[in-house]
N, C-alpha and C. Protein backbone atom coordinates (compact mmCIF):
# COMPACT_ATOMS: atom_id res chain seq x y z
N PRO A 1 -171.00 18.27 127.44
CA PRO A 1 -172.14 18.72 128.40
C PRO A 1 -171.54 18.81 130.00
N LYS A 2 -169.96 17.98 129.31
CA LYS A 2 -169.54 18.39 131.81
C LYS A 2 -168.88 19.32 131.38
N SER A 3 -168.84 19.98 130.69
CA SER A 3 -167.74 21.30 130.61
C SER A 3 -167.39 22.11 131.79
N SER A 4 -168.84 22.67 132.10
CA SER A 4 -168.86 23.46 133.91
C SER A 4 -168.34 22.76 134.95
N ALA A 5 -169.04 21.27 135.15
CA ALA A 5 -167.93 20.49 135.68
C ALA A 5 -166.38 20.79 136.24
N ILE A 6 -166.30 20.55 134.57
CA ILE A 6 -164.55 20.27 134.74
C ILE A 6 -163.96 21.33 135.03
N ALA A 7 -164.26 22.66 134.27
CA ALA A 7 -163.70 24.37 134.27
C ALA A 7 -164.20 24.66 136.28
N ALA A 8 -165.23 23.97 136.58
CA ALA A 8 -165.06 24.84 137.36
C ALA A 8 -164.38 23.21 139.18
N ARG A 9 -164.12 22.78 138.58
CA ARG A 9 -163.59 22.08 139.71
C ARG A 9 -161.66 22.15 139.01
N LEU A 10 -161.20 23.15 138.01
CA LEU A 10 -159.97 23.69 137.80
C LEU A 10 -159.93 24.72 137.67
N PHE A 11 -160.66 25.70 137.75
CA PHE A 11 -160.57 26.81 138.71
C PHE A 11 -160.96 27.23 139.13
N SER A 12 -162.07 28.03 139.37
CA SER A 12 -163.01 28.10 140.23
C SER A 12 -164.96 27.85 139.45
N PRO A 13 -165.63 27.79 141.27
CA PRO A 13 -167.53 27.34 141.39
C PRO A 13 -168.03 28.53 140.49
N LYS A 14 -167.57 29.86 140.45
CA LYS A 14 -168.08 31.08 140.10
C LYS A 14 -167.43 30.72 138.86
N VAL A 15 -167.56 29.50 137.93
CA VAL A 15 -166.75 29.63 136.66
C VAL A 15 -168.23 29.04 136.10
N THR A 16 -169.71 28.88 136.66
CA THR A 16 -170.73 27.75 136.64
C THR A 16 -171.73 29.17 136.47
N GLN A 17 -171.36 30.38 137.00
CA GLN A 17 -172.62 31.15 137.07
C GLN A 17 -171.74 32.23 135.74
N LEU A 18 -170.87 32.20 135.04
CA LEU A 18 -170.93 33.17 133.99
C LEU A 18 -171.92 33.01 132.87
N LYS A 19 -172.17 33.70 132.14
CA LYS A 19 -172.98 33.84 131.09
C LYS A 19 -172.82 33.67 129.95
N ASN A 20 -173.11 33.26 129.01
CA ASN A 20 -172.67 33.26 127.28
C ASN A 20 -172.02 34.67 127.21
N TYR A 21 -170.36 34.50 126.84
CA TYR A 21 -169.44 35.53 126.21
C TYR A 21 -169.54 35.82 127.25
N HIS A 22 -169.65 35.56 128.62
CA HIS A 22 -168.75 36.34 129.49
C HIS A 22 -167.09 35.85 130.16
N GLY A 23 -166.36 36.36 130.93
CA GLY A 23 -165.77 36.20 131.52
C GLY A 23 -165.16 36.65 132.84
N LEU A 24 -163.74 35.47 133.44
CA LEU A 24 -163.50 36.33 135.00
C LEU A 24 -161.88 36.50 134.73
N VAL A 25 -161.59 36.83 135.17
CA VAL A 25 -160.08 36.65 135.84
C VAL A 25 -159.78 35.67 136.99
N THR A 26 -159.30 34.78 137.04
CA THR A 26 -158.98 33.59 137.98
C THR A 26 -157.26 33.20 138.27
N GLU A 27 -157.39 32.05 138.51
CA GLU A 27 -155.93 31.49 139.37
C GLU A 27 -156.21 29.93 138.91
N GLN A 28 -155.20 29.55 138.04
CA GLN A 28 -155.25 27.84 138.24
C GLN A 28 -153.45 27.31 139.08
N MET A 29 -153.76 26.98 140.52
CA MET A 29 -152.40 26.43 140.67
C MET A 29 -151.30 27.79 141.44
N SER A 30 -152.18 28.81 141.36
CA SER A 30 -151.76 29.97 141.80
C SER A 30 -150.99 31.20 141.07
N LYS A 31 -151.45 30.37 139.65
CA LYS A 31 -151.11 31.24 138.33
C LYS A 31 -152.50 31.83 137.51
N PRO A 32 -151.87 33.29 137.25
CA PRO A 32 -153.73 33.95 136.54
C PRO A 32 -153.76 32.87 135.47
N CYS A 33 -155.32 33.42 135.27
CA CYS A 33 -155.78 32.78 134.09
C CYS A 33 -156.94 33.68 133.97
N ILE A 34 -157.67 33.36 132.40
CA ILE A 34 -159.23 34.39 132.30
C ILE A 34 -159.50 32.84 131.55
N VAL A 35 -160.77 33.19 132.64
CA VAL A 35 -161.82 32.33 132.14
C VAL A 35 -162.75 32.86 130.99
N SER A 36 -162.73 32.32 129.68
CA SER A 36 -164.07 32.81 129.10
C SER A 36 -165.16 31.68 129.09
N ARG A 37 -166.50 32.31 128.47
CA ARG A 37 -167.68 31.10 128.01
C ARG A 37 -168.05 31.47 126.93
N THR A 38 -166.75 30.97 126.62
CA THR A 38 -167.24 31.10 124.33
C THR A 38 -166.87 30.05 123.73
N GLY A 39 -166.68 29.63 122.84
CA GLY A 39 -166.13 28.74 122.23
C GLY A 39 -166.42 28.75 120.27
N TYR A 40 -166.28 27.44 120.09
CA TYR A 40 -166.61 27.76 118.68
C TYR A 40 -167.18 26.85 118.29
N THR A 41 -167.96 25.92 118.88
CA THR A 41 -168.31 24.43 118.29
C THR A 41 -170.02 24.17 118.60
N GLY A 42 -170.76 25.19 119.19
CA GLY A 42 -172.08 25.40 119.23
C GLY A 42 -172.19 24.94 120.73
N GLU A 43 -171.66 24.48 121.19
CA GLU A 43 -171.60 23.99 122.70
C GLU A 43 -171.68 24.20 123.53
N ASP A 44 -172.28 24.06 125.39
CA ASP A 44 -171.69 24.96 126.38
C ASP A 44 -170.15 24.59 126.45
N GLY A 45 -169.35 25.73 126.56
CA GLY A 45 -167.55 25.45 126.26
C GLY A 45 -167.45 26.88 127.21
N PHE A 46 -165.75 26.58 127.12
CA PHE A 46 -165.30 27.46 128.14
C PHE A 46 -163.92 27.38 127.22
N GLU A 47 -163.15 29.00 127.24
CA GLU A 47 -162.03 28.95 126.76
C GLU A 47 -160.94 29.91 127.73
N PHE A 48 -160.05 29.36 127.65
CA PHE A 48 -158.94 29.58 129.13
C PHE A 48 -157.59 30.73 128.04
N ILE A 49 -156.90 31.72 128.76
CA ILE A 49 -156.42 32.50 128.52
C ILE A 49 -154.93 32.06 129.44
N VAL A 50 -153.73 31.65 129.27
CA VAL A 50 -152.80 32.11 130.32
C VAL A 50 -151.78 31.89 129.69
N ARG A 51 -150.81 32.25 130.56
CA ARG A 51 -148.99 32.97 130.36
C ARG A 51 -148.76 31.48 129.10
N ALA A 52 -147.70 31.36 128.21
CA ALA A 52 -147.85 30.38 127.91
C ALA A 52 -146.68 29.52 128.26
N GLU A 53 -145.80 30.17 129.63
CA GLU A 53 -145.57 29.07 130.06
C GLU A 53 -145.58 28.19 131.50
N ASP A 54 -147.76 28.62 131.31
CA ASP A 54 -148.22 27.76 131.60
C ASP A 54 -148.97 26.57 131.36
N ALA A 55 -149.00 26.99 129.78
CA ALA A 55 -150.06 26.46 129.14
C ALA A 55 -149.77 24.49 128.90
N ALA A 56 -148.76 24.53 129.18
CA ALA A 56 -148.80 22.88 129.15
C ALA A 56 -149.06 21.79 129.93
N ARG A 57 -148.96 23.02 131.43
CA ARG A 57 -149.28 22.29 132.75
C ARG A 57 -150.45 22.39 133.22
N VAL A 58 -151.40 23.78 132.35
CA VAL A 58 -152.96 23.84 132.64
C VAL A 58 -153.62 23.04 131.52
N TRP A 59 -152.83 22.49 130.18
CA TRP A 59 -153.45 21.47 129.52
C TRP A 59 -152.89 20.04 130.72
N GLU A 60 -152.36 19.77 130.94
CA GLU A 60 -152.46 18.63 131.76
C GLU A 60 -152.88 18.06 132.49
N ASN A 61 -153.81 19.40 133.49
CA ASN A 61 -154.51 19.77 134.59
C ASN A 61 -156.29 19.15 133.95
N LEU A 62 -156.13 20.05 132.94
CA LEU A 62 -157.41 20.10 132.85
C LEU A 62 -158.41 18.77 132.19
N MET A 63 -156.93 17.93 131.13
CA MET A 63 -157.46 16.15 131.27
C MET A 63 -157.35 15.63 131.94
N LEU A 64 -156.81 15.92 133.31
CA LEU A 64 -157.22 15.25 134.40
C LEU A 64 -158.27 15.21 135.01
N ALA A 65 -158.21 16.57 135.04
CA ALA A 65 -159.67 16.88 135.81
C ALA A 65 -160.90 16.64 135.16
N GLY A 66 -161.50 15.95 134.02
CA GLY A 66 -162.01 15.67 133.42
C GLY A 66 -162.19 14.07 133.15
N ARG A 67 -161.34 13.57 133.31
CA ARG A 67 -161.06 11.78 133.43
C ARG A 67 -162.22 11.23 133.59
N GLU A 68 -162.82 11.75 134.81
CA GLU A 68 -163.70 10.95 135.39
C GLU A 68 -165.05 11.05 134.08
N HIS A 69 -165.15 11.76 133.53
CA HIS A 69 -166.25 12.41 132.51
C HIS A 69 -166.08 11.99 131.25
N GLY A 70 -164.38 11.01 130.93
CA GLY A 70 -164.41 10.69 129.43
C GLY A 70 -163.66 11.91 128.77
N ILE A 71 -163.79 12.84 129.28
CA ILE A 71 -162.42 14.11 127.79
C ILE A 71 -161.70 13.11 127.32
N GLU A 72 -161.58 14.29 126.33
CA GLU A 72 -160.42 13.24 125.04
C GLU A 72 -160.16 14.52 124.50
N ALA A 73 -159.09 14.59 123.70
CA ALA A 73 -158.75 15.92 123.00
C ALA A 73 -159.45 15.19 121.52
N VAL A 74 -159.46 16.64 120.89
CA VAL A 74 -159.74 16.20 119.67
C VAL A 74 -159.13 17.44 118.71
N GLY A 75 -159.21 17.13 117.78
CA GLY A 75 -158.10 18.11 116.24
C GLY A 75 -159.43 18.94 116.06
N LEU A 76 -158.92 19.88 115.20
CA LEU A 76 -159.03 21.01 114.18
C LEU A 76 -160.69 20.89 113.23
N GLY A 77 -160.43 19.50 112.11
CA GLY A 77 -160.57 19.13 111.55
C GLY A 77 -162.68 18.92 112.69
N ALA A 78 -162.76 18.45 113.81
CA ALA A 78 -163.94 18.10 114.48
C ALA A 78 -164.56 19.45 115.00
N ARG A 79 -163.27 20.31 114.85
CA ARG A 79 -164.50 21.84 116.01
C ARG A 79 -164.51 22.30 114.67
N ASP A 80 -164.02 22.33 112.95
CA ASP A 80 -164.48 23.06 111.96
C ASP A 80 -166.20 22.12 111.88
N THR A 81 -166.01 21.60 111.59
CA THR A 81 -167.55 20.58 111.38
C THR A 81 -168.56 20.87 112.55
N LEU A 82 -168.17 21.08 114.02
CA LEU A 82 -169.28 21.50 114.83
C LEU A 82 -169.82 23.11 114.53
N ARG A 83 -168.73 23.91 114.20
CA ARG A 83 -168.40 24.86 114.45
C ARG A 83 -169.38 25.66 112.42
N LEU A 84 -169.58 24.84 111.74
CA LEU A 84 -170.39 24.78 110.45
C LEU A 84 -171.49 24.45 111.04
N GLU A 85 -172.00 23.24 111.39
CA GLU A 85 -172.85 23.23 112.31
C GLU A 85 -173.82 23.41 112.80
N ALA A 86 -173.12 25.04 114.04
CA ALA A 86 -173.52 25.34 114.54
C ALA A 86 -173.81 26.79 113.53
N GLY A 87 -173.51 26.58 112.30
CA GLY A 87 -173.56 27.96 111.52
C GLY A 87 -172.53 28.87 111.66
N MET A 88 -171.57 28.78 112.61
CA MET A 88 -171.08 29.95 112.44
C MET A 88 -169.58 29.90 111.66
N PRO A 89 -169.25 31.82 111.54
CA PRO A 89 -168.54 32.07 110.70
C PRO A 89 -167.36 32.41 110.45
N LEU A 90 -166.17 31.46 109.31
CA LEU A 90 -165.30 31.72 110.00
C LEU A 90 -163.82 32.67 109.73
N TYR A 91 -163.12 33.28 109.46
CA TYR A 91 -162.52 34.07 108.85
C TYR A 91 -161.91 33.46 108.27
N GLY A 92 -161.69 33.88 106.56
CA GLY A 92 -160.52 33.47 105.83
C GLY A 92 -161.55 32.42 104.88
N HIS A 93 -163.16 32.29 105.76
CA HIS A 93 -163.91 31.87 104.68
C HIS A 93 -165.29 32.88 104.62
N GLU A 94 -166.26 32.78 105.71
CA GLU A 94 -167.49 33.66 105.61
C GLU A 94 -167.61 34.81 105.57
N LEU A 95 -165.66 35.14 107.10
CA LEU A 95 -165.14 35.98 106.54
C LEU A 95 -163.98 37.30 105.82
N SER A 96 -164.33 38.41 105.65
CA SER A 96 -163.15 38.47 104.87
C SER A 96 -163.48 40.22 105.29
N GLU A 97 -161.91 40.67 104.70
CA GLU A 97 -161.92 41.94 104.55
C GLU A 97 -162.21 42.84 103.52
N ALA A 98 -163.33 42.07 102.82
CA ALA A 98 -163.85 42.49 101.48
C ALA A 98 -165.02 42.08 102.07
N ILE A 99 -165.90 41.48 103.17
CA ILE A 99 -166.71 41.07 103.10
C ILE A 99 -168.13 41.91 104.32
N ASP A 100 -168.55 43.18 104.57
CA ASP A 100 -168.80 43.68 105.49
C ASP A 100 -170.46 43.23 106.79
N PRO A 101 -170.32 43.46 107.65
CA PRO A 101 -170.48 42.69 108.90
C PRO A 101 -172.09 42.38 108.84
N TYR A 102 -172.73 43.38 107.42
CA TYR A 102 -174.22 43.32 107.75
C TYR A 102 -174.47 41.58 106.40
N THR A 103 -173.37 42.03 105.53
CA THR A 103 -173.91 40.56 104.46
C THR A 103 -173.33 39.64 105.15
N ALA A 104 -172.65 39.54 106.26
CA ALA A 104 -172.01 38.04 107.20
C ALA A 104 -173.43 37.85 107.94
N GLY A 105 -174.37 38.87 108.19
CA GLY A 105 -175.58 38.30 109.43
C GLY A 105 -175.01 38.57 110.72
N LEU A 106 -173.89 39.15 110.68
CA LEU A 106 -173.20 40.38 112.01
C LEU A 106 -173.47 41.23 112.35
N GLY A 107 -174.31 42.33 112.37
CA GLY A 107 -174.90 43.64 112.19
C GLY A 107 -175.32 43.77 113.44
N PHE A 108 -175.91 42.65 114.25
CA PHE A 108 -175.92 42.85 115.66
C PHE A 108 -174.82 43.08 116.47
N ALA A 109 -173.82 42.42 115.82
CA ALA A 109 -172.18 42.80 116.75
C ALA A 109 -172.04 44.34 116.70
N VAL A 110 -172.23 45.19 115.68
CA VAL A 110 -172.17 46.16 115.42
C VAL A 110 -172.69 47.81 116.51
N SER A 111 -172.56 48.17 117.04
CA SER A 111 -173.32 49.58 117.94
C SER A 111 -173.10 51.03 117.36
N LEU A 112 -174.11 51.20 116.01
CA LEU A 112 -173.88 52.25 115.86
C LEU A 112 -174.29 53.54 116.72
N GLY A 113 -173.60 53.76 117.71
CA GLY A 113 -174.81 55.15 118.83
C GLY A 113 -173.96 56.11 118.54
N GLU A 114 -174.34 57.90 118.85
CA GLU A 114 -173.81 58.70 118.51
C GLU A 114 -172.83 59.12 118.69
N ARG A 115 -171.51 58.79 119.50
CA ARG A 115 -170.22 58.45 119.04
C ARG A 115 -169.57 57.75 117.80
N SER A 116 -168.71 58.32 117.40
CA SER A 116 -168.12 58.32 116.53
C SER A 116 -166.83 57.32 117.01
N PHE A 117 -166.29 56.34 116.38
CA PHE A 117 -165.78 55.60 115.70
C PHE A 117 -164.42 55.64 114.67
N LEU A 118 -162.93 55.10 114.41
CA LEU A 118 -162.56 55.02 112.96
C LEU A 118 -163.09 53.43 112.18
N GLY A 119 -164.04 54.24 111.10
CA GLY A 119 -164.31 53.33 109.80
C GLY A 119 -166.47 53.12 110.51
N SER A 120 -167.09 54.13 111.42
CA SER A 120 -168.15 54.02 111.82
C SER A 120 -169.27 54.41 110.84
N ASP A 121 -168.75 55.53 109.38
CA ASP A 121 -168.98 55.93 108.57
C ASP A 121 -169.15 55.29 107.43
N ALA A 122 -167.82 54.44 107.75
CA ALA A 122 -168.05 53.89 106.35
C ALA A 122 -169.23 52.17 106.82
N LEU A 123 -169.17 51.95 107.95
CA LEU A 123 -170.23 50.36 108.47
C LEU A 123 -171.54 51.20 108.44
N ALA A 124 -172.05 52.80 108.35
CA ALA A 124 -172.89 53.40 108.37
C ALA A 124 -173.98 53.18 106.71
N ALA A 125 -172.61 53.36 106.18
CA ALA A 125 -172.56 53.29 104.64
C ALA A 125 -173.71 52.07 104.21
N PHE A 126 -172.54 51.15 104.96
CA PHE A 126 -172.84 50.20 104.48
C PHE A 126 -173.83 49.03 105.03
N LYS A 127 -174.71 49.66 106.24
CA LYS A 127 -175.97 49.48 106.46
C LYS A 127 -177.41 49.79 106.30
N ALA A 128 -176.78 51.07 105.39
CA ALA A 128 -177.93 51.76 104.42
C ALA A 128 -178.07 51.56 103.32
N ALA A 129 -177.42 50.35 102.74
CA ALA A 129 -176.69 49.96 101.31
C ALA A 129 -177.70 48.59 101.27
N PRO A 130 -178.75 48.50 99.53
CA PRO A 130 -179.05 47.79 99.67
C PRO A 130 -178.02 45.95 99.45
N ARG A 131 -178.59 45.02 100.27
CA ARG A 131 -177.02 44.22 100.17
C ARG A 131 -177.51 43.55 98.61
N SER A 132 -176.69 43.24 97.72
CA SER A 132 -176.43 42.07 96.67
C SER A 132 -176.07 40.79 96.63
N MET A 133 -175.90 40.20 98.28
CA MET A 133 -175.03 38.96 98.64
C MET A 133 -175.69 38.60 100.24
N LYS A 134 -175.86 37.47 100.67
CA LYS A 134 -176.26 37.08 101.79
C LYS A 134 -175.95 35.91 101.92
N ARG A 135 -175.54 35.20 103.80
CA ARG A 135 -174.84 34.14 103.89
C ARG A 135 -175.54 33.06 104.51
N ILE A 136 -176.03 32.32 103.62
CA ILE A 136 -176.78 30.96 103.91
C ILE A 136 -176.96 29.82 104.27
N GLY A 137 -177.40 28.82 104.74
CA GLY A 137 -177.16 27.91 104.63
C GLY A 137 -177.73 27.23 103.75
N LEU A 138 -177.04 25.49 103.20
CA LEU A 138 -177.49 25.14 102.30
C LEU A 138 -177.36 23.47 102.66
N SER A 139 -178.30 22.49 102.66
CA SER A 139 -178.37 21.03 102.84
C SER A 139 -178.88 20.63 101.26
N LEU A 140 -177.52 19.50 101.45
CA LEU A 140 -177.49 19.34 100.00
C LEU A 140 -177.73 18.24 99.79
N THR A 141 -178.94 17.17 98.35
CA THR A 141 -178.58 15.42 98.48
C THR A 141 -177.76 14.75 98.32
N GLY A 142 -177.87 13.45 98.23
CA GLY A 142 -176.54 12.92 98.02
C GLY A 142 -175.92 12.48 98.89
N ARG A 143 -174.35 12.21 99.10
CA ARG A 143 -173.27 11.97 100.44
C ARG A 143 -172.25 13.01 100.06
N ARG A 144 -171.71 13.60 98.66
CA ARG A 144 -170.98 14.47 98.21
C ARG A 144 -171.19 15.87 98.95
N ALA A 145 -169.78 16.19 99.74
CA ALA A 145 -169.71 17.68 100.56
C ALA A 145 -169.49 18.39 99.27
N ALA A 146 -170.09 19.79 99.71
CA ALA A 146 -169.53 20.79 98.33
C ALA A 146 -168.59 21.53 99.15
N ARG A 147 -167.44 21.52 98.56
CA ARG A 147 -166.24 22.59 98.97
C ARG A 147 -166.30 24.29 98.38
N GLU A 148 -165.11 24.71 99.67
CA GLU A 148 -164.60 26.23 99.58
C GLU A 148 -165.26 26.53 97.91
N GLY A 149 -165.53 27.06 97.40
CA GLY A 149 -165.82 27.74 96.22
C GLY A 149 -166.07 27.36 95.18
N ALA A 150 -167.16 26.30 95.41
CA ALA A 150 -168.24 26.05 94.76
C ALA A 150 -169.24 26.53 93.97
N SER A 151 -169.62 26.69 93.04
CA SER A 151 -170.44 27.69 92.42
C SER A 151 -171.83 27.60 92.19
N LEU A 152 -173.19 28.26 92.65
CA LEU A 152 -174.35 27.75 93.13
C LEU A 152 -174.99 28.41 92.10
N ILE A 153 -175.89 27.49 91.11
CA ILE A 153 -176.08 27.55 90.45
C ILE A 153 -178.09 28.27 90.47
N ASP A 154 -178.07 28.50 89.56
CA ASP A 154 -180.43 28.54 89.84
C ASP A 154 -180.89 29.01 88.64
N SER A 155 -181.67 28.32 88.53
CA SER A 155 -183.32 27.72 87.58
C SER A 155 -182.89 28.40 86.20
N ASP A 156 -182.33 29.23 85.84
CA ASP A 156 -181.74 30.34 84.41
C ASP A 156 -180.14 29.99 84.61
N GLN A 157 -179.73 29.37 85.17
CA GLN A 157 -177.99 28.50 84.85
C GLN A 157 -177.02 29.52 85.12
N ARG A 158 -177.56 30.71 86.25
CA ARG A 158 -176.58 31.15 86.22
C ARG A 158 -176.05 31.57 87.05
N THR A 159 -175.23 30.95 87.24
CA THR A 159 -174.12 31.58 88.72
C THR A 159 -174.14 32.79 89.69
N VAL A 160 -175.47 31.95 91.22
CA VAL A 160 -175.11 33.28 91.70
C VAL A 160 -174.46 33.11 93.12
N GLY A 161 -173.92 32.67 93.67
CA GLY A 161 -172.47 32.55 94.55
C GLY A 161 -171.80 31.38 94.50
N SER A 162 -171.43 31.69 95.80
CA SER A 162 -170.17 30.14 95.83
C SER A 162 -170.61 29.72 97.37
N VAL A 163 -169.60 28.36 97.85
CA VAL A 163 -169.84 27.92 98.89
C VAL A 163 -168.15 28.47 99.37
N THR A 164 -168.70 28.53 100.36
CA THR A 164 -167.50 29.52 102.10
C THR A 164 -167.27 27.71 102.47
N SER A 165 -167.89 27.19 103.24
CA SER A 165 -167.44 25.96 103.81
C SER A 165 -168.66 24.56 103.63
N GLY A 166 -168.06 23.93 103.84
CA GLY A 166 -168.97 22.78 103.16
C GLY A 166 -168.40 21.37 104.20
N THR A 167 -169.15 20.77 104.43
CA THR A 167 -168.46 19.30 105.13
C THR A 167 -170.22 17.93 104.81
N PHE A 168 -169.80 16.90 105.50
CA PHE A 168 -170.50 16.05 105.81
C PHE A 168 -170.82 16.38 107.22
N SER A 169 -172.31 16.19 107.12
CA SER A 169 -172.64 16.76 109.07
C SER A 169 -172.80 15.29 109.99
N PRO A 170 -171.73 14.80 110.56
CA PRO A 170 -172.04 13.74 111.60
C PRO A 170 -173.62 13.85 112.42
N THR A 171 -174.12 14.91 112.76
CA THR A 171 -174.87 15.15 113.11
C THR A 171 -176.28 14.95 112.41
N LEU A 172 -176.48 15.40 111.28
CA LEU A 172 -177.50 15.18 110.83
C LEU A 172 -177.49 14.43 110.04
N GLN A 173 -176.10 13.37 109.10
CA GLN A 173 -176.64 12.65 108.17
C GLN A 173 -176.43 13.03 106.68
N ARG A 174 -175.91 13.70 106.41
CA ARG A 174 -175.92 15.06 105.07
C ARG A 174 -175.11 15.65 105.06
N PRO A 175 -174.58 16.04 103.79
CA PRO A 175 -173.71 17.52 103.66
C PRO A 175 -174.90 18.38 103.70
N ILE A 176 -173.99 19.72 104.12
CA ILE A 176 -174.32 20.96 104.18
C ILE A 176 -172.94 22.02 104.47
N ALA A 177 -173.61 23.00 103.97
CA ALA A 177 -172.88 24.07 103.44
C ALA A 177 -173.15 25.72 104.07
N MET A 178 -172.15 26.22 103.95
CA MET A 178 -172.61 27.73 103.65
C MET A 178 -171.77 28.52 102.81
N ALA A 179 -172.43 29.67 102.11
CA ALA A 179 -172.20 30.31 101.25
C ALA A 179 -173.27 31.29 100.71
N TYR A 180 -172.34 32.41 100.18
CA TYR A 180 -173.06 34.07 100.03
C TYR A 180 -173.75 33.37 98.38
N VAL A 181 -175.03 33.96 98.43
CA VAL A 181 -175.81 33.84 97.18
C VAL A 181 -176.74 35.09 96.94
N ALA A 182 -176.90 35.25 95.80
CA ALA A 182 -177.46 36.05 95.37
C ALA A 182 -179.03 37.49 96.62
N HIS A 183 -178.67 37.77 97.12
CA HIS A 183 -179.68 38.17 97.94
C HIS A 183 -181.45 37.58 97.16
N GLU A 184 -181.71 38.45 96.75
CA GLU A 184 -183.49 37.90 95.96
C GLU A 184 -183.42 36.59 96.50
N LEU A 185 -182.10 35.37 96.48
CA LEU A 185 -182.73 34.47 96.25
C LEU A 185 -182.71 33.65 97.58
N ALA A 186 -182.55 34.29 98.45
CA ALA A 186 -181.71 33.62 99.75
C ALA A 186 -182.91 33.46 100.89
N THR A 187 -183.50 33.04 100.50
CA THR A 187 -184.54 32.78 101.21
C THR A 187 -184.85 30.99 101.35
N ALA A 188 -185.24 30.81 103.07
CA ALA A 188 -185.37 29.59 103.20
C ALA A 188 -186.14 28.50 102.04
N GLY A 189 -186.05 27.14 101.68
CA GLY A 189 -186.50 26.85 100.84
C GLY A 189 -186.55 26.56 99.39
N THR A 190 -185.62 27.76 99.06
CA THR A 190 -185.36 27.94 97.68
C THR A 190 -184.57 26.62 97.36
N ASN A 191 -184.37 26.03 95.84
CA ASN A 191 -183.97 24.70 95.51
C ASN A 191 -183.12 25.50 94.70
N ILE A 192 -181.68 24.92 94.33
CA ILE A 192 -180.98 25.86 93.79
C ILE A 192 -179.74 24.20 93.61
N GLU A 193 -178.73 24.61 92.36
CA GLU A 193 -177.69 23.86 92.29
C GLU A 193 -176.42 23.75 92.76
N VAL A 194 -175.72 23.27 93.27
CA VAL A 194 -174.15 23.23 93.80
C VAL A 194 -173.22 22.67 92.71
N ASP A 195 -172.34 23.16 92.04
CA ASP A 195 -171.42 22.28 91.13
C ASP A 195 -170.35 22.01 92.12
N ILE A 196 -170.39 20.93 92.06
CA ILE A 196 -169.36 20.03 92.91
C ILE A 196 -168.55 19.36 91.94
N ARG A 197 -167.33 20.19 91.58
CA ARG A 197 -165.80 19.25 90.52
C ARG A 197 -166.83 19.13 88.98
N GLY A 198 -167.84 19.80 89.15
CA GLY A 198 -168.37 19.46 87.47
C GLY A 198 -169.84 19.03 87.50
N THR A 199 -169.81 18.31 88.65
CA THR A 199 -171.14 17.37 88.67
C THR A 199 -172.07 18.35 89.49
N ARG A 200 -173.42 18.35 88.93
CA ARG A 200 -174.58 19.27 89.43
C ARG A 200 -174.77 18.89 90.73
N THR A 201 -175.58 19.39 91.81
CA THR A 201 -176.18 18.47 92.71
C THR A 201 -176.93 19.25 93.81
N GLU A 202 -178.09 19.02 93.89
CA GLU A 202 -179.38 19.18 94.08
C GLU A 202 -178.68 20.35 95.46
N ALA A 203 -179.71 21.52 95.76
CA ALA A 203 -179.85 22.26 97.33
C ALA A 203 -180.44 22.51 97.94
N GLN A 204 -181.25 23.22 98.67
CA GLN A 204 -182.36 23.58 99.51
C GLN A 204 -181.57 24.78 100.08
N ILE A 205 -181.99 26.01 100.27
CA ILE A 205 -181.49 26.92 101.13
C ILE A 205 -181.62 26.82 102.40
N VAL A 206 -181.53 26.49 103.52
CA VAL A 206 -182.10 26.45 105.07
C VAL A 206 -181.53 27.33 105.57
N PRO A 207 -182.75 27.45 106.90
CA PRO A 207 -182.32 28.34 107.82
C PRO A 207 -180.54 28.49 108.67
N LEU A 208 -180.00 28.98 109.36
CA LEU A 208 -178.75 28.71 109.80
C LEU A 208 -179.36 29.34 111.44
N PRO A 209 -178.92 28.51 112.39
CA PRO A 209 -177.68 27.25 112.29
C PRO A 209 -178.29 25.71 111.96
N PHE A 210 -177.28 25.15 111.68
CA PHE A 210 -178.16 23.58 111.18
C PHE A 210 -178.92 23.10 111.80
N TYR A 211 -177.49 22.87 113.21
CA TYR A 211 -178.03 22.55 114.68
C TYR A 211 -177.70 23.07 116.03
N LYS A 212 -179.00 22.89 116.15
CA LYS A 212 -178.43 23.62 117.90
C LYS A 212 -178.90 23.20 119.21
N ARG A 213 -177.55 22.99 120.02
CA ARG A 213 -178.29 22.44 121.04
C ARG A 213 -179.26 22.03 121.96
N ALA A 214 -180.26 21.22 122.34
CA ALA A 214 -180.99 21.64 123.69
C ALA A 214 -180.66 22.30 124.75
N ASN A 215 -180.99 23.71 125.43
CA ASN A 215 -180.66 23.72 126.63
C ASN A 215 -180.89 23.00 128.08
N SER A 216 -179.19 23.00 127.92
CA SER A 216 -179.42 22.17 129.63
C SER A 216 -179.38 22.76 130.63
């Protein structure tokens, strides 16, 4: 929650005026740096792009600038839990070369205007075609987390999809997952079973994101 104040102290007060998914070129101790108001946690955050030889120094200065706010380093597991709670897809899980952006729920990022570009015809065809699968959120019963590859089973005992990411949510205190499911079943409130290493667990399709921070 203090990321804006820390970034402003370390780089420039102008970073507090950045809109989400915007950036600016600035300096840190006379060294060039790009600051963007982006992140992969669902929280208000910033990313810094610096030259490789400057990275260690910027990191040390960042930790010093945030000391009074209780800043701590966290690992990849924490980031992955946060991005899952925020419903953010990850390449290699929800995203791949075999999944088109419309199936992944990322059609908003594609601009099919009057100008053509490499792949625009294929994207237009994907947009026009009926969808067979859809990316959805799952809220599971019990305490066991469904991991990537776990099968989704409908009431007719058919395999109708699979989990792409799953974990136990510390924020919500229950297991959650993202998955691809047959499009006709992809409605919030639909009950489904998840096969977790041979054991069926009840789940319900829920809207994404699982958690959204309050506007500050």
